[in-house]
Amino acid sequence: QRNVLAMSGRAVEAAGDVNVLLLDKTGTITFGNRQAVELLPVGG
């Protein structure tokens, strides 16, 4: 229903017992494209 195909019931069950998640930063934790957030002038 959430558009995920599990190749076996074992995989679904293993997901429930997971202790460690490895997550890529780009596109997973962050949006992936760096964005301008601040302008810092110099010399007056």
PDB file of all heavy atoms in Angstrom:
ATOM      1  N   GLN A   1       0.819  -1.202   0.000  1.00  0.00           N
ATOM      2  CA  GLN A   1       0.000   0.000   0.000  1.00  0.00           C
ATOM      3  C   GLN A   1       0.856   1.256   0.000  1.00  0.00           C
ATOM      4  O   GLN A   1       0.424   2.313  -0.471  1.00  0.00           O
ATOM      5  CB  GLN A   1      -0.929   0.012   1.220  1.00  0.00           C
ATOM      6  CG  GLN A   1      -2.034  -1.026   1.170  1.00  0.00           C
ATOM      7  CD  GLN A   1      -2.815  -1.074   2.467  1.00  0.00           C
ATOM      8  OE1 GLN A   1      -2.606  -0.266   3.363  1.00  0.00           O
ATOM      9  NE2 GLN A   1      -3.709  -2.039   2.583  1.00  0.00           N
ATOM     10  N   ARG A   2       2.067   1.143   0.516  1.00  0.00           N
ATOM     11  CA  ARG A   2       2.982   2.283   0.543  1.00  0.00           C
ATOM     12  C   ARG A   2       4.012   2.203  -0.579  1.00  0.00           C
ATOM     13  O   ARG A   2       5.075   2.794  -0.503  1.00  0.00           O
ATOM     14  CB  ARG A   2       3.678   2.349   1.900  1.00  0.00           C
ATOM     15  CG  ARG A   2       2.718   2.770   3.016  1.00  0.00           C
ATOM     16  CD  ARG A   2       3.308   2.509   4.390  1.00  0.00           C
ATOM     17  NE  ARG A   2       2.465   3.031   5.441  1.00  0.00           N
ATOM     18  CZ  ARG A   2       1.406   2.403   5.941  1.00  0.00           C
ATOM     19  NH1 ARG A   2       1.049   1.219   5.447  1.00  0.00           N
ATOM     20  NH2 ARG A   2       0.692   2.935   6.906  1.00  0.00           N
ATOM     21  N   ASN A   3       3.692   1.424  -1.612  1.00  0.00           N
ATOM     22  CA  ASN A   3       4.532   1.316  -2.807  1.00  0.00           C
ATOM     23  C   ASN A   3       5.911   0.732  -2.518  1.00  0.00           C
ATOM     24  O   ASN A   3       6.912   1.138  -3.107  1.00  0.00           O
ATOM     25  CB  ASN A   3       4.683   2.677  -3.494  1.00  0.00           C
ATOM     26  CG  ASN A   3       3.574   2.927  -4.492  1.00  0.00           C
ATOM     27  OD1 ASN A   3       2.697   2.089  -4.676  1.00  0.00           O
ATOM     28  ND2 ASN A   3       3.596   4.069  -5.139  1.00  0.00           N
ATOM     29  N   VAL A   4       5.966  -0.220  -1.598  1.00  0.00           N
ATOM     30  CA  VAL A   4       7.205  -0.936  -1.318  1.00  0.00           C
ATOM     31  C   VAL A   4       6.979  -2.416  -1.580  1.00  0.00           C
ATOM     32  O   VAL A   4       6.023  -3.002  -1.064  1.00  0.00           O
ATOM     33  CB  VAL A   4       7.671  -0.739   0.146  1.00  0.00           C
ATOM     34  CG1 VAL A   4       8.933  -1.547   0.423  1.00  0.00           C
ATOM     35  CG2 VAL A   4       7.927   0.738   0.418  1.00  0.00           C
ATOM     36  N   LEU A   5       7.842  -3.011  -2.386  1.00  0.00           N
ATOM     37  CA  LEU A   5       7.757  -4.439  -2.677  1.00  0.00           C
ATOM     38  C   LEU A   5       8.784  -5.182  -1.846  1.00  0.00           C
ATOM     39  O   LEU A   5       9.985  -4.950  -1.976  1.00  0.00           O
ATOM     40  CB  LEU A   5       8.011  -4.702  -4.163  1.00  0.00           C
ATOM     41  CG  LEU A   5       8.146  -6.170  -4.553  1.00  0.00           C
ATOM     42  CD1 LEU A   5       6.836  -6.907  -4.313  1.00  0.00           C
ATOM     43  CD2 LEU A   5       8.581  -6.308  -5.996  1.00  0.00           C
ATOM     44  N   ALA A   6       8.301  -6.056  -0.957  1.00  0.00           N
ATOM     45  CA  ALA A   6       9.200  -6.893  -0.166  1.00  0.00           C
ATOM     46  C   ALA A   6       9.371  -8.225  -0.876  1.00  0.00           C
ATOM     47  O   ALA A   6       8.394  -8.874  -1.245  1.00  0.00           O
ATOM     48  CB  ALA A   6       8.627  -7.107   1.234  1.00  0.00           C
ATOM     49  N   MET A   7      10.620  -8.622  -1.095  1.00  0.00           N
ATOM     50  CA  MET A   7      10.874  -9.864  -1.809  1.00  0.00           C
ATOM     51  C   MET A   7      10.541 -11.098  -0.976  1.00  0.00           C
ATOM     52  O   MET A   7      10.413 -12.193  -1.505  1.00  0.00           O
ATOM     53  CB  MET A   7      12.350  -9.916  -2.241  1.00  0.00           C
ATOM     54  CG  MET A   7      12.760  -8.762  -3.135  1.00  0.00           C
ATOM     55  SD  MET A   7      11.726  -8.652  -4.605  1.00  0.00           S
ATOM     56  CE  MET A   7      12.448  -7.229  -5.406  1.00  0.00           C
ATOM     57  N   SER A   8      10.409 -10.929   0.350  1.00  0.00           N
ATOM     58  CA  SER A   8      10.061 -12.060   1.211  1.00  0.00           C
ATOM     59  C   SER A   8       9.479 -11.531   2.513  1.00  0.00           C
ATOM     60  O   SER A   8       9.740 -10.394   2.907  1.00  0.00           O
ATOM     61  CB  SER A   8      11.303 -12.917   1.519  1.00  0.00           C
ATOM     62  OG  SER A   8      12.214 -12.197   2.334  1.00  0.00           O
ATOM     63  N   GLY A   9       8.692 -12.387   3.168  1.00  0.00           N
ATOM     64  CA  GLY A   9       8.172 -12.023   4.477  1.00  0.00           C
ATOM     65  C   GLY A   9       9.280 -11.880   5.498  1.00  0.00           C
ATOM     66  O   GLY A   9       9.162 -11.125   6.467  1.00  0.00           O
ATOM     67  N   ARG A  10      10.388 -12.594   5.276  1.00  0.00           N
ATOM     68  CA  ARG A  10      11.534 -12.514   6.179  1.00  0.00           C
ATOM     69  C   ARG A  10      12.053 -11.069   6.247  1.00  0.00           C
ATOM     70  O   ARG A  10      12.453 -10.587   7.311  1.00  0.00           O
ATOM     71  CB  ARG A  10      12.643 -13.450   5.697  1.00  0.00           C
ATOM     72  CG  ARG A  10      13.874 -13.478   6.591  1.00  0.00           C
ATOM     73  CD  ARG A  10      14.995 -14.218   5.883  1.00  0.00           C
ATOM     74  NE  ARG A  10      14.644 -15.605   5.636  1.00  0.00           N
ATOM     75  CZ  ARG A  10      14.989 -16.617   6.430  1.00  0.00           C
ATOM     76  NH1 ARG A  10      15.672 -16.370   7.521  1.00  0.00           N
ATOM     77  NH2 ARG A  10      14.656 -17.849   6.131  1.00  0.00           N
ATOM     78  N   ALA A  11      12.037 -10.377   5.094  1.00  0.00           N
ATOM     79  CA  ALA A  11      12.533  -9.005   5.063  1.00  0.00           C
ATOM     80  C   ALA A  11      11.654  -8.085   5.899  1.00  0.00           C
ATOM     81  O   ALA A  11      12.148  -7.206   6.610  1.00  0.00           O
ATOM     82  CB  ALA A  11      12.599  -8.506   3.625  1.00  0.00           C
ATOM     83  N   VAL A  12      10.332  -8.274   5.824  1.00  0.00           N
ATOM     84  CA  VAL A  12       9.414  -7.444   6.604  1.00  0.00           C
ATOM     85  C   VAL A  12       9.646  -7.669   8.092  1.00  0.00           C
ATOM     86  O   VAL A  12       9.689  -6.732   8.885  1.00  0.00           O
ATOM     87  CB  VAL A  12       7.948  -7.756   6.248  1.00  0.00           C
ATOM     88  CG1 VAL A  12       7.008  -6.793   6.956  1.00  0.00           C
ATOM     89  CG2 VAL A  12       7.741  -7.686   4.748  1.00  0.00           C
ATOM     90  N   GLU A  13       9.798  -8.932   8.451  1.00  0.00           N
ATOM     91  CA  GLU A  13      10.008  -9.277   9.852  1.00  0.00           C
ATOM     92  C   GLU A  13      11.338  -8.742  10.351  1.00  0.00           C
ATOM     93  O   GLU A  13      11.445  -8.226  11.465  1.00  0.00           O
ATOM     94  CB  GLU A  13       9.964 -10.802  10.006  1.00  0.00           C
ATOM     95  CG  GLU A  13       9.576 -11.254  11.391  1.00  0.00           C
ATOM     96  CD  GLU A  13       9.264 -12.740  11.384  1.00  0.00           C
ATOM     97  OE1 GLU A  13      10.217 -13.533  11.292  1.00  0.00           O
ATOM     98  OE2 GLU A  13       8.083 -13.096  11.455  1.00  0.00           O
ATOM     99  N   ALA A  14      12.375  -8.863   9.514  1.00  0.00           N
ATOM    100  CA  ALA A  14      13.693  -8.359   9.891  1.00  0.00           C
ATOM    101  C   ALA A  14      13.644  -6.851  10.108  1.00  0.00           C
ATOM    102  O   ALA A  14      14.324  -6.318  10.988  1.00  0.00           O
ATOM    103  CB  ALA A  14      14.723  -8.714   8.825  1.00  0.00           C
ATOM    104  N   ALA A  15      12.826  -6.160   9.315  1.00  0.00           N
ATOM    105  CA  ALA A  15      12.699  -4.706   9.476  1.00  0.00           C
ATOM    106  C   ALA A  15      12.196  -4.358  10.873  1.00  0.00           C
ATOM    107  O   ALA A  15      12.576  -3.330  11.438  1.00  0.00           O
ATOM    108  CB  ALA A  15      11.764  -4.137   8.416  1.00  0.00           C
ATOM    109  N   GLY A  16      11.348  -5.200  11.415  1.00  0.00           N
ATOM    110  CA  GLY A  16      10.835  -4.951  12.752  1.00  0.00           C
ATOM    111  C   GLY A  16      11.840  -5.198  13.846  1.00  0.00           C
ATOM    112  O   GLY A  16      11.659  -4.730  14.970  1.00  0.00           O
ATOM    113  N   ASP A  17      12.912  -5.934  13.538  1.00  0.00           N
ATOM    114  CA  ASP A  17      13.939  -6.247  14.536  1.00  0.00           C
ATOM    115  C   ASP A  17      15.217  -5.450  14.344  1.00  0.00           C
ATOM    116  O   ASP A  17      16.216  -5.696  15.017  1.00  0.00           O
ATOM    117  CB  ASP A  17      14.283  -7.744  14.477  1.00  0.00           C
ATOM    118  CG  ASP A  17      13.192  -8.604  15.092  1.00  0.00           C
ATOM    119  OD1 ASP A  17      12.536  -8.131  16.044  1.00  0.00           O
ATOM    120  OD2 ASP A  17      12.985  -9.739  14.624  1.00  0.00           O
ATOM    121  N   VAL A  18      15.211  -4.488  13.418  1.00  0.00           N
ATOM    122  CA  VAL A  18      16.418  -3.735  13.085  1.00  0.00           C
ATOM    123  C   VAL A  18      16.927  -2.955  14.294  1.00  0.00           C
ATOM    124  O   VAL A  18      16.148  -2.363  15.044  1.00  0.00           O
ATOM    125  CB  VAL A  18      16.136  -2.782  11.898  1.00  0.00           C
ATOM    126  CG1 VAL A  18      17.142  -1.661  11.839  1.00  0.00           C
ATOM    127  CG2 VAL A  18      16.142  -3.568  10.600  1.00  0.00           C
ATOM    128  N   ASN A  19      18.247  -2.970  14.475  1.00  0.00           N
ATOM    129  CA  ASN A  19      18.891  -2.211  15.546  1.00  0.00           C
ATOM    130  C   ASN A  19      19.619  -0.975  15.038  1.00  0.00           C
ATOM    131  O   ASN A  19      19.819  -0.019  15.774  1.00  0.00           O
ATOM    132  CB  ASN A  19      19.905  -3.085  16.295  1.00  0.00           C
ATOM    133  CG  ASN A  19      19.328  -4.398  16.753  1.00  0.00           C
ATOM    134  OD1 ASN A  19      19.657  -5.446  16.202  1.00  0.00           O
ATOM    135  ND2 ASN A  19      18.472  -4.350  17.758  1.00  0.00           N
ATOM    136  N   VAL A  20      20.067  -1.042  13.769  1.00  0.00           N
ATOM    137  CA  VAL A  20      20.888   0.041  13.209  1.00  0.00           C
ATOM    138  C   VAL A  20      20.340   0.432  11.840  1.00  0.00           C
ATOM    139  O   VAL A  20      20.046  -0.440  11.014  1.00  0.00           O
ATOM    140  CB  VAL A  20      22.368  -0.384  13.065  1.00  0.00           C
ATOM    141  CG1 VAL A  20      23.194   0.751  12.477  1.00  0.00           C
ATOM    142  CG2 VAL A  20      22.935  -0.807  14.408  1.00  0.00           C
ATOM    143  N   LEU A  21      20.193   1.742  11.605  1.00  0.00           N
ATOM    144  CA  LEU A  21      19.775   2.256  10.301  1.00  0.00           C
ATOM    145  C   LEU A  21      20.925   3.044   9.685  1.00  0.00           C
ATOM    146  O   LEU A  21      21.446   3.973  10.307  1.00  0.00           O
ATOM    147  CB  LEU A  21      18.570   3.186  10.440  1.00  0.00           C
ATOM    148  CG  LEU A  21      17.191   2.588  10.664  1.00  0.00           C
ATOM    149  CD1 LEU A  21      16.150   3.697  10.658  1.00  0.00           C
ATOM    150  CD2 LEU A  21      16.859   1.577   9.621  1.00  0.00           C
ATOM    151  N   LEU A  22      21.330   2.659   8.471  1.00  0.00           N
ATOM    152  CA  LEU A  22      22.304   3.437   7.720  1.00  0.00           C
ATOM    153  C   LEU A  22      21.539   4.300   6.726  1.00  0.00           C
ATOM    154  O   LEU A  22      20.796   3.782   5.889  1.00  0.00           O
ATOM    155  CB  LEU A  22      23.280   2.523   6.964  1.00  0.00           C
ATOM    156  CG  LEU A  22      24.146   1.575   7.793  1.00  0.00           C
ATOM    157  CD1 LEU A  22      25.186   0.916   6.895  1.00  0.00           C
ATOM    158  CD2 LEU A  22      24.830   2.303   8.928  1.00  0.00           C
ATOM    159  N   LEU A  23      21.716   5.603   6.805  1.00  0.00           N
ATOM    160  CA  LEU A  23      20.967   6.534   5.965  1.00  0.00           C
ATOM    161  C   LEU A  23      21.930   7.448   5.218  1.00  0.00           C
ATOM    162  O   LEU A  23      22.780   8.103   5.836  1.00  0.00           O
ATOM    163  CB  LEU A  23      20.025   7.383   6.820  1.00  0.00           C
ATOM    164  CG  LEU A  23      18.950   6.614   7.598  1.00  0.00           C
ATOM    165  CD1 LEU A  23      18.441   7.453   8.756  1.00  0.00           C
ATOM    166  CD2 LEU A  23      17.809   6.251   6.689  1.00  0.00           C
ATOM    167  N   ASP A  24      21.808   7.485   3.887  1.00  0.00           N
ATOM    168  CA  ASP A  24      22.593   8.443   3.124  1.00  0.00           C
ATOM    169  C   ASP A  24      22.162   9.854   3.498  1.00  0.00           C
ATOM    170  O   ASP A  24      20.977  10.120   3.713  1.00  0.00           O
ATOM    171  CB  ASP A  24      22.383   8.233   1.629  1.00  0.00           C
ATOM    172  CG  ASP A  24      23.316   7.167   1.073  1.00  0.00           C
ATOM    173  OD1 ASP A  24      24.405   7.001   1.634  1.00  0.00           O
ATOM    174  OD2 ASP A  24      22.940   6.508   0.094  1.00  0.00           O
ATOM    175  N   LYS A  25      23.125  10.744   3.544  1.00  0.00           N
ATOM    176  CA  LYS A  25      22.799  12.135   3.873  1.00  0.00           C
ATOM    177  C   LYS A  25      22.008  12.792   2.750  1.00  0.00           C
ATOM    178  O   LYS A  25      20.906  13.283   2.943  1.00  0.00           O
ATOM    179  CB  LYS A  25      24.081  12.924   4.135  1.00  0.00           C
ATOM    180  CG  LYS A  25      23.832  14.375   4.562  1.00  0.00           C
ATOM    181  CD  LYS A  25      25.013  15.260   4.265  1.00  0.00           C
ATOM    182  CE  LYS A  25      25.139  15.512   2.772  1.00  0.00           C
ATOM    183  NZ  LYS A  25      26.189  16.465   2.411  1.00  0.00           N
ATOM    184  N   THR A  26      22.583  12.789   1.554  1.00  0.00           N
ATOM    185  CA  THR A  26      22.007  13.531   0.441  1.00  0.00           C
ATOM    186  C   THR A  26      20.717  12.881  -0.052  1.00  0.00           C
ATOM    187  O   THR A  26      20.715  11.718  -0.431  1.00  0.00           O
ATOM    188  CB  THR A  26      23.009  13.630  -0.717  1.00  0.00           C
ATOM    189  OG1 THR A  26      24.218  14.187  -0.224  1.00  0.00           O
ATOM    190  CG2 THR A  26      22.459  14.490  -1.836  1.00  0.00           C
ATOM    191  N   GLY A  27      19.638  13.631  -0.029  1.00  0.00           N
ATOM    192  CA  GLY A  27      18.361  13.142  -0.515  1.00  0.00           C
ATOM    193  C   GLY A  27      17.574  12.369   0.520  1.00  0.00           C
ATOM    194  O   GLY A  27      16.393  12.098   0.318  1.00  0.00           O
ATOM    195  N   THR A  28      18.208  12.006   1.618  1.00  0.00           N
ATOM    196  CA  THR A  28      17.516  11.267   2.669  1.00  0.00           C
ATOM    197  C   THR A  28      17.332  12.150   3.892  1.00  0.00           C
ATOM    198  O   THR A  28      16.217  12.458   4.301  1.00  0.00           O
ATOM    199  CB  THR A  28      18.294   9.996   3.044  1.00  0.00           C
ATOM    200  OG1 THR A  28      18.486   9.205   1.890  1.00  0.00           O
ATOM    201  CG2 THR A  28      17.544   9.195   4.093  1.00  0.00           C
ATOM    202  N   ILE A  29      18.451  12.563   4.473  1.00  0.00           N
ATOM    203  CA  ILE A  29      18.400  13.446   5.633  1.00  0.00           C
ATOM    204  C   ILE A  29      18.297  14.902   5.193  1.00  0.00           C
ATOM    205  O   ILE A  29      17.593  15.701   5.806  1.00  0.00           O
ATOM    206  CB  ILE A  29      19.645  13.223   6.521  1.00  0.00           C
ATOM    207  CG1 ILE A  29      19.612  11.794   7.092  1.00  0.00           C
ATOM    208  CG2 ILE A  29      19.707  14.246   7.645  1.00  0.00           C
ATOM    209  CD1 ILE A  29      20.850  11.417   7.867  1.00  0.00           C
ATOM    210  N   THR A  30      18.986  15.231   4.113  1.00  0.00           N
ATOM    211  CA  THR A  30      18.939  16.591   3.577  1.00  0.00           C
ATOM    212  C   THR A  30      18.238  16.587   2.223  1.00  0.00           C
ATOM    213  O   THR A  30      18.028  15.537   1.626  1.00  0.00           O
ATOM    214  CB  THR A  30      20.350  17.167   3.411  1.00  0.00           C
ATOM    215  OG1 THR A  30      21.044  16.430   2.392  1.00  0.00           O
ATOM    216  CG2 THR A  30      21.126  17.081   4.719  1.00  0.00           C
ATOM    217  N   PHE A  31      17.899  17.768   1.736  1.00  0.00           N
ATOM    218  CA  PHE A  31      17.230  17.874   0.445  1.00  0.00           C
ATOM    219  C   PHE A  31      18.151  17.552  -0.713  1.00  0.00           C
ATOM    220  O   PHE A  31      17.703  17.259  -1.807  1.00  0.00           O
ATOM    221  CB  PHE A  31      16.650  19.284   0.261  1.00  0.00           C
ATOM    222  CG  PHE A  31      15.411  19.521   1.053  1.00  0.00           C
ATOM    223  CD1 PHE A  31      15.450  20.278   2.211  1.00  0.00           C
ATOM    224  CD2 PHE A  31      14.203  18.979   0.664  1.00  0.00           C
ATOM    225  CE1 PHE A  31      14.303  20.496   2.953  1.00  0.00           C
ATOM    226  CE2 PHE A  31      13.050  19.199   1.399  1.00  0.00           C
ATOM    227  CZ  PHE A  31      13.099  19.957   2.547  1.00  0.00           C
ATOM    228  N   GLY A  32      19.447  17.615  -0.485  1.00  0.00           N
ATOM    229  CA  GLY A  32      20.396  17.239  -1.534  1.00  0.00           C
ATOM    230  C   GLY A  32      21.010  18.428  -2.228  1.00  0.00           C
ATOM    231  O   GLY A  32      22.193  18.433  -2.526  1.00  0.00           O
ATOM    232  N   ASN A  33      20.251  19.467  -2.499  1.00  0.00           N
ATOM    233  CA  ASN A  33      20.782  20.672  -3.125  1.00  0.00           C
ATOM    234  C   ASN A  33      21.039  21.717  -2.044  1.00  0.00           C
ATOM    235  O   ASN A  33      20.122  22.107  -1.313  1.00  0.00           O
ATOM    236  CB  ASN A  33      19.795  21.236  -4.151  1.00  0.00           C
ATOM    237  CG  ASN A  33      19.591  20.281  -5.303  1.00  0.00           C
ATOM    238  OD1 ASN A  33      20.511  19.630  -5.752  1.00  0.00           O
ATOM    239  ND2 ASN A  33      18.352  20.194  -5.780  1.00  0.00           N
ATOM    240  N   ARG A  34      22.280  22.171  -1.963  1.00  0.00           N
ATOM    241  CA  ARG A  34      22.600  23.198  -0.970  1.00  0.00           C
ATOM    242  C   ARG A  34      21.893  24.500  -1.336  1.00  0.00           C
ATOM    243  O   ARG A  34      21.800  24.853  -2.504  1.00  0.00           O
ATOM    244  CB  ARG A  34      24.112  23.399  -0.887  1.00  0.00           C
ATOM    245  CG  ARG A  34      24.827  22.171  -0.342  1.00  0.00           C
ATOM    246  CD  ARG A  34      26.330  22.320  -0.365  1.00  0.00           C
ATOM    247  NE  ARG A  34      26.949  21.107   0.151  1.00  0.00           N
ATOM    248  CZ  ARG A  34      27.560  21.022   1.331  1.00  0.00           C
ATOM    249  NH1 ARG A  34      27.647  22.090   2.094  1.00  0.00           N
ATOM    250  NH2 ARG A  34      28.081  19.884   1.735  1.00  0.00           N
ATOM    251  N   GLN A  35      21.431  25.210  -0.319  1.00  0.00           N
ATOM    252  CA  GLN A  35      20.652  26.421  -0.536  1.00  0.00           C
ATOM    253  C   GLN A  35      21.276  27.590   0.203  1.00  0.00           C
ATOM    254  O   GLN A  35      21.831  27.430   1.297  1.00  0.00           O
ATOM    255  CB  GLN A  35      19.210  26.217  -0.060  1.00  0.00           C
ATOM    256  CG  GLN A  35      18.490  25.086  -0.770  1.00  0.00           C
ATOM    257  CD  GLN A  35      17.104  24.854  -0.214  1.00  0.00           C
ATOM    258  OE1 GLN A  35      16.539  25.715   0.457  1.00  0.00           O
ATOM    259  NE2 GLN A  35      16.537  23.690  -0.490  1.00  0.00           N
ATOM    260  N   ALA A  36      21.180  28.764  -0.394  1.00  0.00           N
ATOM    261  CA  ALA A  36      21.698  29.974   0.240  1.00  0.00           C
ATOM    262  C   ALA A  36      20.828  30.324   1.443  1.00  0.00           C
ATOM    263  O   ALA A  36      19.614  30.428   1.326  1.00  0.00           O
ATOM    264  CB  ALA A  36      21.711  31.121  -0.759  1.00  0.00           C
ATOM    265  N   VAL A  37      21.463  30.489   2.595  1.00  0.00           N
ATOM    266  CA  VAL A  37      20.712  30.776   3.815  1.00  0.00           C
ATOM    267  C   VAL A  37      21.123  32.090   4.471  1.00  0.00           C
ATOM    268  O   VAL A  37      20.413  32.604   5.337  1.00  0.00           O
ATOM    269  CB  VAL A  37      20.869  29.629   4.838  1.00  0.00           C
ATOM    270  CG1 VAL A  37      20.269  28.346   4.303  1.00  0.00           C
ATOM    271  CG2 VAL A  37      22.330  29.414   5.206  1.00  0.00           C
ATOM    272  N   GLU A  38      22.278  32.654   4.045  1.00  0.00           N
ATOM    273  CA  GLU A  38      22.772  33.850   4.732  1.00  0.00           C
ATOM    274  C   GLU A  38      23.768  34.589   3.841  1.00  0.00           C
ATOM    275  O   GLU A  38      24.540  33.973   3.104  1.00  0.00           O
ATOM    276  CB  GLU A  38      23.447  33.436   6.049  1.00  0.00           C
ATOM    277  CG  GLU A  38      23.839  34.580   6.943  1.00  0.00           C
ATOM    278  CD  GLU A  38      24.468  34.093   8.244  1.00  0.00           C
ATOM    279  OE1 GLU A  38      24.847  32.898   8.309  1.00  0.00           O
ATOM    280  OE2 GLU A  38      24.592  34.908   9.187  1.00  0.00           O
ATOM    281  N   LEU A  39      23.745  35.937   3.929  1.00  0.00           N
ATOM    282  CA  LEU A  39      24.730  36.774   3.246  1.00  0.00           C
ATOM    283  C   LEU A  39      25.577  37.480   4.298  1.00  0.00           C
ATOM    284  O   LEU A  39      25.035  38.110   5.226  1.00  0.00           O
ATOM    285  CB  LEU A  39      24.036  37.807   2.351  1.00  0.00           C
ATOM    286  CG  LEU A  39      23.178  37.266   1.199  1.00  0.00           C
ATOM    287  CD1 LEU A  39      22.586  38.411   0.396  1.00  0.00           C
ATOM    288  CD2 LEU A  39      23.996  36.354   0.300  1.00  0.00           C
ATOM    289  N   LEU A  40      26.904  37.400   4.152  1.00  0.00           N
ATOM    290  CA  LEU A  40      27.825  37.946   5.141  1.00  0.00           C
ATOM    291  C   LEU A  40      28.725  38.989   4.473  1.00  0.00           C
ATOM    292  O   LEU A  40      29.704  38.648   3.809  1.00  0.00           O
ATOM    293  CB  LEU A  40      28.682  36.820   5.742  1.00  0.00           C
ATOM    294  CG  LEU A  40      27.901  35.636   6.345  1.00  0.00           C
ATOM    295  CD1 LEU A  40      28.838  34.486   6.670  1.00  0.00           C
ATOM    296  CD2 LEU A  40      27.157  36.084   7.593  1.00  0.00           C
ATOM    297  N   PRO A  41      28.414  40.287   4.622  1.00  0.00           N
ATOM    298  CA  PRO A  41      29.219  41.326   3.971  1.00  0.00           C
ATOM    299  C   PRO A  41      30.555  41.554   4.684  1.00  0.00           C
ATOM    300  O   PRO A  41      30.704  41.222   5.865  1.00  0.00           O
ATOM    301  CB  PRO A  41      28.324  42.567   4.072  1.00  0.00           C
ATOM    302  CG  PRO A  41      27.456  42.320   5.267  1.00  0.00           C
ATOM    303  CD  PRO A  41      27.246  40.832   5.335  1.00  0.00           C
ATOM    304  N   VAL A  42      31.521  42.129   3.979  1.00  0.00           N
ATOM    305  CA  VAL A  42      32.829  42.466   4.557  1.00  0.00           C
ATOM    306  C   VAL A  42      33.192  43.894   4.158  1.00  0.00           C
ATOM    307  O   VAL A  42      32.643  44.457   3.195  1.00  0.00           O
ATOM    308  CB  VAL A  42      33.933  41.507   4.073  1.00  0.00           C
ATOM    309  CG1 VAL A  42      33.673  40.096   4.546  1.00  0.00           C
ATOM    310  CG2 VAL A  42      34.061  41.553   2.557  1.00  0.00           C
ATOM    311  N   GLY A  43      34.128  44.459   4.908  1.00  0.00           N
ATOM    312  CA  GLY A  43      34.695  45.760   4.541  1.00  0.00           C
ATOM    313  C   GLY A  43      33.692  46.881   4.491  1.00  0.00           C
ATOM    314  O   GLY A  43      33.822  47.788   3.655  1.00  0.00           O
ATOM    315  N   GLY A  44      32.679  46.862   5.363  1.00  0.00           N
ATOM    316  CA  GLY A  44      31.729  47.956   5.404  1.00  0.00           C
ATOM    317  C   GLY A  44      30.671  47.923   4.320  1.00  0.00           C
ATOM    318  O   GLY A  44      29.875  48.869   4.187  1.00  0.00           O
TER     319      GLY A  44
END
